Amino acid sequence: MSRNAFPIQRSLPWLILVLGLLITYIFQNVAYEENYKNVHERFNFRANEIAANIQSRLHSYKEILQGTKGLFISSDHVTRIEFREYVKQLDLARSFPGIQGVGFSLLIKPEDLANHIQEIRNEGFPNYSVHPDAKRDIYTSIIHLEPFDWRNQRAFGFDMFSQPIRRAAMQEALDKNETTLSGMVTLIQETEKGKQLGFLMYLPVYRNNQPHTTLRERRQNILGWVYAPFRMHDLMNGIMGPHFGEIGNTIAFDIYDGDTISTANLMYDFNKQTGTTAAKHKPVFSTMKQVNFGGHQWTIAIHSLPSLEAKLQYENSKYIVLAGAIVSSLLAHCWLLSSGCC
C-alpha cells in the first residue's frame, strides 16, 4: 500500500462517522417537519371546526325564527298560550342549547300605545308597561318571550327600537325582509352577577294578507319581529358542547364584533369563559376566521396553547439521533478493525 493511501485509509472511519451523523440529522429533520405538519393540520382542523360550528348553529337559529314567523302567518291572532306551547315544543334547552329564548316584539304607533298597555294588563299583567318611559315617534314592545323565566321576564315590555344597535338590526330586517344580527349588546336580561355580552337575531313579520313586496309596503305593513336573544358565553357552551374541554385544552379563541381586533369589540373572552389565565407566550400557531351572517360579521382570533405545542417535541426524534449515532460509531469502528488501522 502506498504512503499516500494510508492517510486516506485512516480518515475513512471519520468520514463514515460524519456521513452517518449527517444522514441522521436529515432523517431527524424530516421526522420533525412531518410531525410539525401533523400538529399544524390538527390546529387548522380545530380552527375550521370552531368557525363552521358557529356558522351552522346560527343557521339553525334562523330556521327557528322562520318557523316562529310561520306561526304568526297562519293565525290572525297568536295567543300567549299558543306561543308558549309552540316554543315549548321546540325543546330549546335540549335541541338548541345556547339560545336565551324566542320572542315577539310588536310595533306600536304612539296613538295606540295606551290601548295596547291596557290590553296586556287585562291579560293578567297589571304592572305591564312599555319601557323605557319616554315619548317616541314609534314604539315596540316585547310581548312574548319564552321560556318566560325570571331572566326573560326582565325584558317583558322592553322597547328594543329605543336602543340604537338593536334598532339598526330591526330596521334592516324590516327593510330587506331578511334575518339579521344585531351588534354587540348587553341584554336587558343581564344582572350584575355573571354578566355576559350578547346579541340578538331578528326576522320581520308583516300583517297577514297585506303586500310587502316593496320597501314602502314593508314599512307600512310591518306587524313586528320574531327574535331571539343570546348570551355569548352560554351560546359558545351550547355550540361546543361536550367537545369544549378537548378544544379548550389545545387552542384558545376570542370572538370580536366586526372586523376589528380590539378590547372594545371583544364579545367572547376565552380566558373568562374557562376561568383560566393563560401564561404569556408567543403561540406557535395562530389564525383568524370570519363568520358572516345576517348582514353582520364576527372575527374569531384563534391560537394554540402550550398543551398542543408540546406535541411538537417529537419523542421519536431522540431515538433517531441515538440510533444514528450508535450505528455511525459502530460502522466507523468496524472499518477501523477491518482495515487494521488500530
C-alpha atoms as a PDB file:
ATOM      1  CA  MET A   1       0.000   0.000   0.000  1.00  0.00           C
ATOM      2  CA  SER A   2       1.408   3.435  -0.911  1.00  0.00           C
ATOM      3  CA  ARG A   3       2.169   6.065   1.666  1.00  0.00           C
ATOM      4  CA  ASN A   4      -0.478   8.342   0.099  1.00  0.00           C
ATOM      5  CA  ALA A   5      -3.216   5.746   0.554  1.00  0.00           C
ATOM      6  CA  PHE A   6      -2.513   5.275   4.251  1.00  0.00           C
ATOM      7  CA  PRO A   7      -3.711   8.743   5.454  1.00  0.00           C
ATOM      8  CA  ILE A   8      -6.838   8.391   3.327  1.00  0.00           C
ATOM      9  CA  GLN A   9      -7.490   4.976   4.830  1.00  0.00           C
ATOM     10  CA  ARG A  10      -7.076   6.381   8.330  1.00  0.00           C
ATOM     11  CA  SER A  11      -9.515   9.237   7.587  1.00  0.00           C
ATOM     12  CA  LEU A  12     -12.248   6.989   6.140  1.00  0.00           C
ATOM     13  CA  PRO A  13     -13.705   5.989   9.571  1.00  0.00           C
ATOM     14  CA  TRP A  14     -14.139   9.658  10.411  1.00  0.00           C
ATOM     15  CA  LEU A  15     -15.760  10.293   7.056  1.00  0.00           C
ATOM     16  CA  ILE A  16     -18.117   7.370   7.724  1.00  0.00           C
ATOM     17  CA  LEU A  17     -18.953   8.800  11.147  1.00  0.00           C
ATOM     18  CA  VAL A  18     -19.592  12.301   9.773  1.00  0.00           C
ATOM     19  CA  LEU A  19     -21.662  10.928   6.889  1.00  0.00           C
ATOM     20  CA  GLY A  20     -23.695   8.781   9.284  1.00  0.00           C
ATOM     21  CA  LEU A  21     -24.364  11.717  11.576  1.00  0.00           C
ATOM     22  CA  LEU A  22     -25.330  13.866   8.576  1.00  0.00           C
ATOM     23  CA  ILE A  23     -27.812  11.232   7.405  1.00  0.00           C
ATOM     24  CA  THR A  24     -29.126  11.000  10.987  1.00  0.00           C
ATOM     25  CA  TYR A  25     -29.645  14.778  11.060  1.00  0.00           C
ATOM     26  CA  ILE A  26     -31.533  14.653   7.749  1.00  0.00           C
ATOM     27  CA  PHE A  27     -33.813  11.846   8.992  1.00  0.00           C
ATOM     28  CA  GLN A  28     -34.400  13.675  12.268  1.00  0.00           C
ATOM     29  CA  ASN A  29     -35.265  16.892  10.438  1.00  0.00           C
ATOM     30  CA  VAL A  30     -37.664  15.085   8.095  1.00  0.00           C
ATOM     31  CA  ALA A  31     -39.345  13.437  11.089  1.00  0.00           C
ATOM     32  CA  TYR A  32     -39.682  16.775  12.893  1.00  0.00           C
ATOM     33  CA  GLU A  33     -41.113  18.530   9.838  1.00  0.00           C
ATOM     34  CA  GLU A  34     -43.638  15.723   9.337  1.00  0.00           C
ATOM     35  CA  ASN A  35     -44.661  15.966  12.971  1.00  0.00           C
ATOM     36  CA  TYR A  36     -44.880  19.782  12.726  1.00  0.00           C
ATOM     37  CA  LYS A  37     -47.115  19.399   9.689  1.00  0.00           C
ATOM     38  CA  ASN A  38     -49.384  16.958  11.552  1.00  0.00           C
ATOM     39  CA  VAL A  39     -49.741  19.228  14.583  1.00  0.00           C
ATOM     40  CA  HIS A  40     -50.371  22.246  12.351  1.00  0.00           C
ATOM     41  CA  GLU A  41     -53.049  20.335  10.448  1.00  0.00           C
ATOM     42  CA  ARG A  42     -54.666  19.402  13.746  1.00  0.00           C
ATOM     43  CA  PHE A  43     -54.697  23.082  14.744  1.00  0.00           C
ATOM     44  CA  ASN A  44     -56.211  24.133  11.407  1.00  0.00           C
ATOM     45  CA  PHE A  45     -58.840  21.405  11.679  1.00  0.00           C
ATOM     46  CA  ARG A  46     -59.927  22.661  15.094  1.00  0.00           C
ATOM     47  CA  ALA A  47     -59.920  26.282  13.931  1.00  0.00           C
ATOM     48  CA  ASN A  48     -62.102  25.470  10.929  1.00  0.00           C
ATOM     49  CA  GLU A  49     -64.332  23.349  13.143  1.00  0.00           C
ATOM     50  CA  ILE A  50     -64.997  26.262  15.501  1.00  0.00           C
ATOM     51  CA  ALA A  51     -65.943  28.656  12.673  1.00  0.00           C
ATOM     52  CA  ALA A  52     -68.083  26.031  10.909  1.00  0.00           C
ATOM     53  CA  ASN A  53     -69.925  25.094  14.115  1.00  0.00           C
ATOM     54  CA  ILE A  54     -70.769  28.726  14.839  1.00  0.00           C
ATOM     55  CA  GLN A  55     -71.980  29.321  11.277  1.00  0.00           C
ATOM     56  CA  SER A  56     -74.065  26.151  11.295  1.00  0.00           C
ATOM     57  CA  ARG A  57     -75.675  26.918  14.643  1.00  0.00           C
ATOM     58  CA  LEU A  58     -76.628  30.437  13.563  1.00  0.00           C
ATOM     59  CA  HIS A  59     -78.404  28.930  10.549  1.00  0.00           C
ATOM     60  CA  SER A  60     -80.260  26.587  12.903  1.00  0.00           C
ATOM     61  CA  TYR A  61     -81.468  29.538  14.964  1.00  0.00           C
ATOM     62  CA  LYS A  62     -82.544  31.267  11.762  1.00  0.00           C
ATOM     63  CA  GLU A  63     -84.726  28.256  10.963  1.00  0.00           C
ATOM     64  CA  ILE A  64     -86.288  28.521  14.428  1.00  0.00           C
ATOM     65  CA  LEU A  65     -87.301  32.122  13.723  1.00  0.00           C
ATOM     66  CA  GLN A  66     -88.649  31.201  10.306  1.00  0.00           C
ATOM     67  CA  GLY A  67     -90.844  28.566  11.922  1.00  0.00           C
ATOM     68  CA  THR A  68     -91.998  31.042  14.567  1.00  0.00           C
ATOM     69  CA  LYS A  69     -92.842  33.533  11.856  1.00  0.00           C
ATOM     70  CA  GLY A  70     -94.976  30.830  10.253  1.00  0.00           C
ATOM     71  CA  LEU A  71     -96.976  30.679  13.485  1.00  0.00           C
ATOM     72  CA  PHE A  72     -97.987  34.325  13.049  1.00  0.00           C
ATOM     73  CA  ILE A  73     -98.639  33.965   9.332  1.00  0.00           C
ATOM     74  CA  SER A  74    -101.018  31.080   9.954  1.00  0.00           C
ATOM     75  CA  SER A  75    -103.077  32.926  12.587  1.00  0.00           C
ATOM     76  CA  ASP A  76    -104.925  36.213  12.809  1.00  0.00           C
ATOM     77  CA  HIS A  77    -104.014  36.449  16.466  1.00  0.00           C
ATOM     78  CA  VAL A  78    -101.392  34.379  18.287  1.00  0.00           C
ATOM     79  CA  THR A  79    -102.409  33.997  21.912  1.00  0.00           C
ATOM     80  CA  ARG A  80     -99.980  33.843  24.800  1.00  0.00           C
ATOM     81  CA  ILE A  81    -100.818  30.175  25.391  1.00  0.00           C
ATOM     82  CA  GLU A  82    -100.286  29.300  21.717  1.00  0.00           C
ATOM     83  CA  PHE A  83     -96.920  30.994  21.654  1.00  0.00           C
ATOM     84  CA  ARG A  84     -95.834  29.341  24.901  1.00  0.00           C
ATOM     85  CA  GLU A  85     -96.827  25.880  23.682  1.00  0.00           C
ATOM     86  CA  TYR A  86     -95.152  26.398  20.327  1.00  0.00           C
ATOM     87  CA  VAL A  87     -91.816  27.341  21.894  1.00  0.00           C
ATOM     88  CA  LYS A  88     -92.170  24.568  24.454  1.00  0.00           C
ATOM     89  CA  GLN A  89     -92.398  22.025  21.644  1.00  0.00           C
ATOM     90  CA  LEU A  90     -89.111  23.303  20.211  1.00  0.00           C
ATOM     91  CA  ASP A  91     -87.359  21.955  23.332  1.00  0.00           C
ATOM     92  CA  LEU A  92     -84.729  24.660  23.080  1.00  0.00           C
ATOM     93  CA  ALA A  93     -82.600  23.597  26.046  1.00  0.00           C
ATOM     94  CA  ARG A  94     -82.015  20.132  24.609  1.00  0.00           C
ATOM     95  CA  SER A  95     -82.210  20.658  20.850  1.00  0.00           C
ATOM     96  CA  PHE A  96     -80.740  24.152  20.518  1.00  0.00           C
ATOM     97  CA  PRO A  97     -78.606  24.891  23.607  1.00  0.00           C
ATOM     98  CA  GLY A  98     -77.174  28.387  23.818  1.00  0.00           C
ATOM     99  CA  ILE A  99     -80.312  30.342  22.889  1.00  0.00           C
ATOM    100  CA  GLN A 100     -81.817  32.505  25.629  1.00  0.00           C
ATOM    101  CA  GLY A 101     -85.342  32.244  24.250  1.00  0.00           C
ATOM    102  CA  VAL A 102     -87.681  33.012  21.371  1.00  0.00           C
ATOM    103  CA  GLY A 103     -89.837  36.114  21.426  1.00  0.00           C
ATOM    104  CA  PHE A 104     -92.001  38.524  19.514  1.00  0.00           C
ATOM    105  CA  SER A 105     -91.742  42.303  19.561  1.00  0.00           C
ATOM    106  CA  LEU A 106     -94.835  44.238  18.462  1.00  0.00           C
ATOM    107  CA  LEU A 107     -94.642  47.568  16.635  1.00  0.00           C
ATOM    108  CA  ILE A 108     -96.956  50.155  18.245  1.00  0.00           C
ATOM    109  CA  LYS A 109     -97.969  53.555  16.931  1.00  0.00           C
ATOM    110  CA  PRO A 110     -97.999  56.347  19.523  1.00  0.00           C
ATOM    111  CA  GLU A 111    -101.783  56.774  19.247  1.00  0.00           C
ATOM    112  CA  ASP A 112    -102.256  53.066  20.033  1.00  0.00           C
ATOM    113  CA  LEU A 113     -99.896  52.894  22.999  1.00  0.00           C
ATOM    114  CA  ALA A 114    -102.443  53.450  25.798  1.00  0.00           C
ATOM    115  CA  ASN A 115    -104.863  50.841  24.425  1.00  0.00           C
ATOM    116  CA  HIS A 116    -102.029  48.370  23.956  1.00  0.00           C
ATOM    117  CA  ILE A 117    -100.862  48.724  27.554  1.00  0.00           C
ATOM    118  CA  GLN A 118    -104.402  48.203  28.845  1.00  0.00           C
ATOM    119  CA  GLU A 119    -104.882  45.090  26.689  1.00  0.00           C
ATOM    120  CA  ILE A 120    -101.745  43.437  28.104  1.00  0.00           C
ATOM    121  CA  ARG A 121    -102.723  44.402  31.645  1.00  0.00           C
ATOM    122  CA  ASN A 122    -106.104  42.777  31.088  1.00  0.00           C
ATOM    123  CA  GLU A 123    -104.266  39.536  30.239  1.00  0.00           C
ATOM    124  CA  GLY A 124    -103.098  39.302  33.846  1.00  0.00           C
ATOM    125  CA  PHE A 125    -100.096  41.645  33.940  1.00  0.00           C
ATOM    126  CA  PRO A 126    -101.344  44.649  35.966  1.00  0.00           C
ATOM    127  CA  ASN A 127     -97.871  46.230  36.165  1.00  0.00           C
ATOM    128  CA  TYR A 128     -97.101  45.945  32.474  1.00  0.00           C
ATOM    129  CA  SER A 129     -95.733  48.993  30.680  1.00  0.00           C
ATOM    130  CA  VAL A 130     -93.600  49.771  27.658  1.00  0.00           C
ATOM    131  CA  HIS A 131     -90.152  50.856  28.760  1.00  0.00           C
ATOM    132  CA  PRO A 132     -88.104  52.970  28.741  1.00  0.00           C
ATOM    133  CA  ASP A 133     -90.769  55.538  29.525  1.00  0.00           C
ATOM    134  CA  ALA A 134     -90.267  58.378  27.067  1.00  0.00           C
ATOM    135  CA  LYS A 135     -92.111  59.864  24.106  1.00  0.00           C
ATOM    136  CA  ARG A 136     -91.013  58.473  20.746  1.00  0.00           C
ATOM    137  CA  ASP A 137     -92.187  58.530  17.126  1.00  0.00           C
ATOM    138  CA  ILE A 138     -92.668  54.762  17.190  1.00  0.00           C
ATOM    139  CA  TYR A 139     -92.738  52.124  19.906  1.00  0.00           C
ATOM    140  CA  THR A 140     -92.051  48.423  20.019  1.00  0.00           C
ATOM    141  CA  SER A 141     -92.619  46.057  22.897  1.00  0.00           C
ATOM    142  CA  ILE A 142     -91.562  42.515  23.730  1.00  0.00           C
ATOM    143  CA  ILE A 143     -94.949  40.930  24.390  1.00  0.00           C
ATOM    144  CA  HIS A 144     -93.891  37.278  24.015  1.00  0.00           C
ATOM    145  CA  LEU A 145     -90.663  35.724  25.244  1.00  0.00           C
ATOM    146  CA  GLU A 146     -90.394  32.052  26.107  1.00  0.00           C
ATOM    147  CA  PRO A 147     -89.360  30.449  28.295  1.00  0.00           C
ATOM    148  CA  PHE A 148     -90.895  33.128  30.486  1.00  0.00           C
ATOM    149  CA  ASP A 149     -88.442  32.602  33.347  1.00  0.00           C
ATOM    150  CA  TRP A 150     -87.164  35.196  35.804  1.00  0.00           C
ATOM    151  CA  ARG A 151     -84.399  36.339  33.473  1.00  0.00           C
ATOM    152  CA  ASN A 152     -86.627  36.747  30.407  1.00  0.00           C
ATOM    153  CA  GLN A 153     -89.318  38.452  32.460  1.00  0.00           C
ATOM    154  CA  ARG A 154     -86.888  41.348  32.882  1.00  0.00           C
ATOM    155  CA  ALA A 155     -87.246  42.022  29.128  1.00  0.00           C
ATOM    156  CA  PHE A 156     -91.068  41.914  29.092  1.00  0.00           C
ATOM    157  CA  GLY A 157     -92.329  45.223  27.661  1.00  0.00           C
ATOM    158  CA  PHE A 158     -88.895  46.470  26.624  1.00  0.00           C
ATOM    159  CA  ASP A 159     -88.801  48.698  23.550  1.00  0.00           C
ATOM    160  CA  MET A 160     -85.793  47.413  21.588  1.00  0.00           C
ATOM    161  CA  PHE A 161     -86.375  50.093  18.954  1.00  0.00           C
ATOM    162  CA  SER A 162     -85.356  52.685  21.546  1.00  0.00           C
ATOM    163  CA  GLN A 163     -81.758  51.454  21.545  1.00  0.00           C
ATOM    164  CA  PRO A 164     -79.576  52.324  18.508  1.00  0.00           C
ATOM    165  CA  ILE A 165     -77.777  48.990  17.979  1.00  0.00           C
ATOM    166  CA  ARG A 166     -80.967  46.954  18.241  1.00  0.00           C
ATOM    167  CA  ARG A 167     -82.916  49.439  16.159  1.00  0.00           C
ATOM    168  CA  ALA A 168     -80.376  49.267  13.318  1.00  0.00           C
ATOM    169  CA  ALA A 169     -80.731  45.481  13.058  1.00  0.00           C
ATOM    170  CA  MET A 170     -84.535  45.625  13.350  1.00  0.00           C
ATOM    171  CA  GLN A 171     -84.758  48.285  10.658  1.00  0.00           C
ATOM    172  CA  GLU A 172     -82.512  46.302   8.330  1.00  0.00           C
ATOM    173  CA  ALA A 173     -84.603  43.165   8.858  1.00  0.00           C
ATOM    174  CA  LEU A 174     -87.793  45.133   8.187  1.00  0.00           C
ATOM    175  CA  ASP A 175     -86.478  46.812   5.031  1.00  0.00           C
ATOM    176  CA  LYS A 176     -84.895  43.699   3.499  1.00  0.00           C
ATOM    177  CA  ASN A 177     -87.343  41.083   4.805  1.00  0.00           C
ATOM    178  CA  GLU A 178     -84.374  39.039   5.946  1.00  0.00           C
ATOM    179  CA  THR A 179     -82.903  37.617   9.137  1.00  0.00           C
ATOM    180  CA  THR A 180     -80.388  39.994  10.681  1.00  0.00           C
ATOM    181  CA  LEU A 181     -77.989  40.034  13.618  1.00  0.00           C
ATOM    182  CA  SER A 182     -77.503  42.978  15.907  1.00  0.00           C
ATOM    183  CA  GLY A 183     -74.157  44.259  17.015  1.00  0.00           C
ATOM    184  CA  MET A 184     -72.780  43.529  20.460  1.00  0.00           C
ATOM    185  CA  VAL A 185     -75.129  44.486  23.308  1.00  0.00           C
ATOM    186  CA  THR A 186     -75.779  43.808  26.964  1.00  0.00           C
ATOM    187  CA  LEU A 187     -79.171  42.133  27.168  1.00  0.00           C
ATOM    188  CA  ILE A 188     -81.893  43.522  29.401  1.00  0.00           C
ATOM    189  CA  GLN A 189     -81.945  40.057  30.975  1.00  0.00           C
ATOM    190  CA  GLU A 190     -78.498  40.597  32.499  1.00  0.00           C
ATOM    191  CA  THR A 191     -77.847  41.288  36.164  1.00  0.00           C
ATOM    192  CA  GLU A 192     -74.617  42.335  37.830  1.00  0.00           C
ATOM    193  CA  LYS A 193     -73.903  38.719  38.762  1.00  0.00           C
ATOM    194  CA  GLY A 194     -72.389  36.694  35.924  1.00  0.00           C
ATOM    195  CA  LYS A 195     -72.943  39.428  33.351  1.00  0.00           C
ATOM    196  CA  GLN A 196     -72.290  38.453  29.739  1.00  0.00           C
ATOM    197  CA  LEU A 197     -72.254  40.309  26.453  1.00  0.00           C
ATOM    198  CA  GLY A 198     -74.717  39.210  23.813  1.00  0.00           C
ATOM    199  CA  PHE A 199     -76.535  39.912  20.573  1.00  0.00           C
ATOM    200  CA  LEU A 200     -79.973  39.451  19.005  1.00  0.00           C
ATOM    201  CA  MET A 201     -81.361  37.850  15.853  1.00  0.00           C
ATOM    202  CA  TYR A 202     -84.411  39.368  14.127  1.00  0.00           C
ATOM    203  CA  LEU A 203     -86.875  38.333  11.440  1.00  0.00           C
ATOM    204  CA  PRO A 204     -89.749  40.667  10.421  1.00  0.00           C
ATOM    205  CA  VAL A 205     -93.412  39.676  10.480  1.00  0.00           C
ATOM    206  CA  TYR A 206     -95.835  41.599   8.271  1.00  0.00           C
ATOM    207  CA  ARG A 207     -99.584  41.876   8.632  1.00  0.00           C
ATOM    208  CA  ASN A 208    -101.453  38.952   7.146  1.00  0.00           C
ATOM    209  CA  ASN A 209    -102.891  39.418   3.664  1.00  0.00           C
ATOM    210  CA  GLN A 210    -101.035  42.696   3.226  1.00  0.00           C
ATOM    211  CA  PRO A 211     -98.427  43.260   0.494  1.00  0.00           C
ATOM    212  CA  HIS A 212     -94.767  43.596   1.461  1.00  0.00           C
ATOM    213  CA  THR A 213     -93.009  43.358  -1.884  1.00  0.00           C
ATOM    214  CA  THR A 214     -91.635  46.882  -1.968  1.00  0.00           C
ATOM    215  CA  LEU A 215     -89.787  48.830   0.711  1.00  0.00           C
ATOM    216  CA  ARG A 216     -92.758  51.168   1.117  1.00  0.00           C
ATOM    217  CA  GLU A 217     -95.176  48.259   1.562  1.00  0.00           C
ATOM    218  CA  ARG A 218     -92.914  46.601   4.113  1.00  0.00           C
ATOM    219  CA  ARG A 219     -92.660  49.761   6.181  1.00  0.00           C
ATOM    220  CA  GLN A 220     -96.407  50.320   6.022  1.00  0.00           C
ATOM    221  CA  ASN A 221     -97.431  46.759   6.860  1.00  0.00           C
ATOM    222  CA  ILE A 222     -94.898  45.685   9.466  1.00  0.00           C
ATOM    223  CA  LEU A 223     -96.515  43.922  12.424  1.00  0.00           C
ATOM    224  CA  GLY A 224     -93.416  43.219  14.451  1.00  0.00           C
ATOM    225  CA  TRP A 225     -90.402  40.931  14.738  1.00  0.00           C
ATOM    226  CA  VAL A 226     -89.838  37.403  15.907  1.00  0.00           C
ATOM    227  CA  TYR A 227     -86.460  37.411  17.556  1.00  0.00           C
ATOM    228  CA  ALA A 228     -84.001  35.502  19.717  1.00  0.00           C
ATOM    229  CA  PRO A 229     -81.626  36.908  22.359  1.00  0.00           C
ATOM    230  CA  PHE A 230     -78.247  35.287  23.003  1.00  0.00           C
ATOM    231  CA  ARG A 231     -75.773  35.456  25.855  1.00  0.00           C
ATOM    232  CA  MET A 232     -72.384  34.953  24.234  1.00  0.00           C
ATOM    233  CA  HIS A 233     -70.744  32.609  26.721  1.00  0.00           C
ATOM    234  CA  ASP A 234     -73.882  30.480  27.031  1.00  0.00           C
ATOM    235  CA  LEU A 235     -74.007  30.326  23.246  1.00  0.00           C
ATOM    236  CA  MET A 236     -70.450  29.056  22.940  1.00  0.00           C
ATOM    237  CA  ASN A 237     -71.051  26.446  25.629  1.00  0.00           C
ATOM    238  CA  GLY A 238     -74.068  25.284  23.656  1.00  0.00           C
ATOM    239  CA  ILE A 239     -72.244  25.202  20.327  1.00  0.00           C
ATOM    240  CA  MET A 240     -69.108  23.440  21.539  1.00  0.00           C
ATOM    241  CA  GLY A 241     -70.979  21.103  23.866  1.00  0.00           C
ATOM    242  CA  PRO A 242     -69.008  18.077  25.084  1.00  0.00           C
ATOM    243  CA  HIS A 243     -66.081  18.938  22.802  1.00  0.00           C
ATOM    244  CA  PHE A 244     -65.393  22.212  24.613  1.00  0.00           C
ATOM    245  CA  GLY A 245     -62.975  20.657  27.087  1.00  0.00           C
ATOM    246  CA  GLU A 246     -60.999  18.917  24.358  1.00  0.00           C
ATOM    247  CA  ILE A 247     -60.784  22.049  22.224  1.00  0.00           C
ATOM    248  CA  GLY A 248     -60.128  24.346  25.167  1.00  0.00           C
ATOM    249  CA  ASN A 249     -57.157  22.264  26.276  1.00  0.00           C
ATOM    250  CA  THR A 250     -55.338  22.704  22.991  1.00  0.00           C
ATOM    251  CA  ILE A 251     -56.424  26.014  21.440  1.00  0.00           C
ATOM    252  CA  ALA A 252     -57.919  29.285  22.623  1.00  0.00           C
ATOM    253  CA  PHE A 253     -60.167  31.624  20.700  1.00  0.00           C
ATOM    254  CA  ASP A 254     -61.728  35.039  21.195  1.00  0.00           C
ATOM    255  CA  ILE A 255     -64.616  36.469  19.191  1.00  0.00           C
ATOM    256  CA  TYR A 256     -64.800  40.113  18.157  1.00  0.00           C
ATOM    257  CA  ASP A 257     -67.794  42.031  16.850  1.00  0.00           C
ATOM    258  CA  GLY A 258     -66.988  43.252  13.353  1.00  0.00           C
ATOM    259  CA  ASP A 259     -63.636  43.077  11.567  1.00  0.00           C
ATOM    260  CA  THR A 260     -61.572  44.974  14.143  1.00  0.00           C
ATOM    261  CA  ILE A 261     -59.500  43.264  16.829  1.00  0.00           C
ATOM    262  CA  SER A 262     -59.777  45.451  19.910  1.00  0.00           C
ATOM    263  CA  THR A 263     -60.756  45.222  23.557  1.00  0.00           C
ATOM    264  CA  ALA A 264     -63.816  47.365  22.861  1.00  0.00           C
ATOM    265  CA  ASN A 265     -65.124  44.810  20.321  1.00  0.00           C
ATOM    266  CA  LEU A 266     -64.406  41.673  22.356  1.00  0.00           C
ATOM    267  CA  MET A 267     -67.657  39.690  22.576  1.00  0.00           C
ATOM    268  CA  TYR A 268     -66.306  36.377  23.786  1.00  0.00           C
ATOM    269  CA  ASP A 269     -63.279  36.075  26.045  1.00  0.00           C
ATOM    270  CA  PHE A 270     -61.830  32.555  26.166  1.00  0.00           C
ATOM    271  CA  ASN A 271     -59.993  33.113  29.456  1.00  0.00           C
ATOM    272  CA  LYS A 272     -63.119  34.460  31.128  1.00  0.00           C
ATOM    273  CA  GLN A 273     -65.157  31.549  29.769  1.00  0.00           C
ATOM    274  CA  THR A 274     -62.776  28.886  31.024  1.00  0.00           C
ATOM    275  CA  GLY A 275     -61.790  30.664  34.214  1.00  0.00           C
ATOM    276  CA  THR A 276     -58.107  30.438  33.336  1.00  0.00           C
ATOM    277  CA  THR A 277     -55.332  32.916  32.903  1.00  0.00           C
ATOM    278  CA  ALA A 278     -53.155  31.819  30.035  1.00  0.00           C
ATOM    279  CA  ALA A 279     -49.433  32.304  30.567  1.00  0.00           C
ATOM    280  CA  LYS A 280     -47.972  34.982  28.350  1.00  0.00           C
ATOM    281  CA  HIS A 281     -46.246  33.241  25.495  1.00  0.00           C
ATOM    282  CA  LYS A 282     -45.976  33.653  21.767  1.00  0.00           C
ATOM    283  CA  PRO A 283     -48.176  30.948  20.234  1.00  0.00           C
ATOM    284  CA  VAL A 284     -46.657  28.761  17.554  1.00  0.00           C
ATOM    285  CA  PHE A 285     -49.899  28.649  15.560  1.00  0.00           C
ATOM    286  CA  SER A 286     -52.461  31.411  15.105  1.00  0.00           C
ATOM    287  CA  THR A 287     -55.142  32.299  12.600  1.00  0.00           C
ATOM    288  CA  MET A 288     -58.254  34.408  12.140  1.00  0.00           C
ATOM    289  CA  LYS A 289     -61.611  33.242  10.813  1.00  0.00           C
ATOM    290  CA  GLN A 290     -64.570  35.317   9.676  1.00  0.00           C
ATOM    291  CA  VAL A 291     -68.191  34.440  10.317  1.00  0.00           C
ATOM    292  CA  ASN A 292     -70.653  36.387   8.160  1.00  0.00           C
ATOM    293  CA  PHE A 293     -74.329  36.037   8.923  1.00  0.00           C
ATOM    294  CA  GLY A 294     -77.434  38.193   8.865  1.00  0.00           C
ATOM    295  CA  GLY A 295     -75.652  41.248   7.491  1.00  0.00           C
ATOM    296  CA  HIS A 296     -73.107  41.112  10.281  1.00  0.00           C
ATOM    297  CA  GLN A 297     -69.545  39.885  10.706  1.00  0.00           C
ATOM    298  CA  TRP A 298     -67.605  38.353  13.579  1.00  0.00           C
ATOM    299  CA  THR A 299     -63.847  37.866  13.702  1.00  0.00           C
ATOM    300  CA  ILE A 300     -62.530  34.803  15.529  1.00  0.00           C
ATOM    301  CA  ALA A 301     -58.916  35.050  16.691  1.00  0.00           C
ATOM    302  CA  ILE A 302     -57.569  31.549  17.316  1.00  0.00           C
ATOM    303  CA  HIS A 303     -54.189  30.486  18.705  1.00  0.00           C
ATOM    304  CA  SER A 304     -52.524  27.354  20.013  1.00  0.00           C
ATOM    305  CA  LEU A 305     -51.920  26.594  23.681  1.00  0.00           C
ATOM    306  CA  PRO A 306     -48.784  25.011  25.220  1.00  0.00           C
ATOM    307  CA  SER A 307     -50.509  21.627  25.530  1.00  0.00           C
ATOM    308  CA  LEU A 308     -50.843  21.426  21.742  1.00  0.00           C
ATOM    309  CA  GLU A 309     -47.410  22.890  21.104  1.00  0.00           C
ATOM    310  CA  ALA A 310     -45.877  20.250  23.393  1.00  0.00           C
ATOM    311  CA  LYS A 311     -46.725  17.694  20.711  1.00  0.00           C
ATOM    312  CA  LEU A 312     -44.074  19.357  18.541  1.00  0.00           C
ATOM    313  CA  GLN A 313     -41.473  17.776  20.822  1.00  0.00           C
ATOM    314  CA  TYR A 314     -41.413  14.636  18.732  1.00  0.00           C
ATOM    315  CA  GLU A 315     -40.345  11.812  21.044  1.00  0.00           C
ATOM    316  CA  ASN A 316     -39.114   9.584  18.222  1.00  0.00           C
ATOM    317  CA  SER A 317     -36.576  12.194  17.118  1.00  0.00           C
ATOM    318  CA  LYS A 318     -34.331  11.486  20.089  1.00  0.00           C
ATOM    319  CA  TYR A 319     -34.394   7.792  19.250  1.00  0.00           C
ATOM    320  CA  ILE A 320     -33.440   8.613  15.667  1.00  0.00           C
ATOM    321  CA  VAL A 321     -30.479  10.629  16.941  1.00  0.00           C
ATOM    322  CA  LEU A 322     -29.423   7.909  19.373  1.00  0.00           C
ATOM    323  CA  ALA A 323     -29.757   5.125  16.828  1.00  0.00           C
ATOM    324  CA  GLY A 324     -27.953   7.138  14.147  1.00  0.00           C
ATOM    325  CA  ALA A 325     -25.079   7.993  16.467  1.00  0.00           C
ATOM    326  CA  ILE A 326     -24.684   4.371  17.579  1.00  0.00           C
ATOM    327  CA  VAL A 327     -24.842   2.951  14.050  1.00  0.00           C
ATOM    328  CA  SER A 328     -22.443   5.573  12.693  1.00  0.00           C
ATOM    329  CA  SER A 329     -19.972   4.915  15.508  1.00  0.00           C
ATOM    330  CA  LEU A 330     -20.188   1.155  15.026  1.00  0.00           C
ATOM    331  CA  LEU A 331     -19.618   1.408  11.289  1.00  0.00           C
ATOM    332  CA  ALA A 332     -16.611   3.634  11.809  1.00  0.00           C
ATOM    333  CA  HIS A 333     -15.219   1.298  14.456  1.00  0.00           C
ATOM    334  CA  CYS A 334     -15.772  -1.764  12.291  1.00  0.00           C
ATOM    335  CA  TRP A 335     -13.908  -0.108   9.453  1.00  0.00           C
ATOM    336  CA  LEU A 336     -11.017   0.560  11.771  1.00  0.00           C
ATOM    337  CA  LEU A 337     -10.935  -3.061  12.883  1.00  0.00           C
ATOM    338  CA  SER A 338     -11.236  -4.488   9.383  1.00  0.00           C
ATOM    339  CA  SER A 339      -8.559  -2.247   7.965  1.00  0.00           C
ATOM    340  CA  GLY A 340      -6.168  -2.904  10.838  1.00  0.00           C
ATOM    341  CA  CYS A 341      -5.744   0.788  11.469  1.00  0.00           C
ATOM    342  CA  CYS A 342      -5.922   0.416  15.217  1.00  0.00           C
END
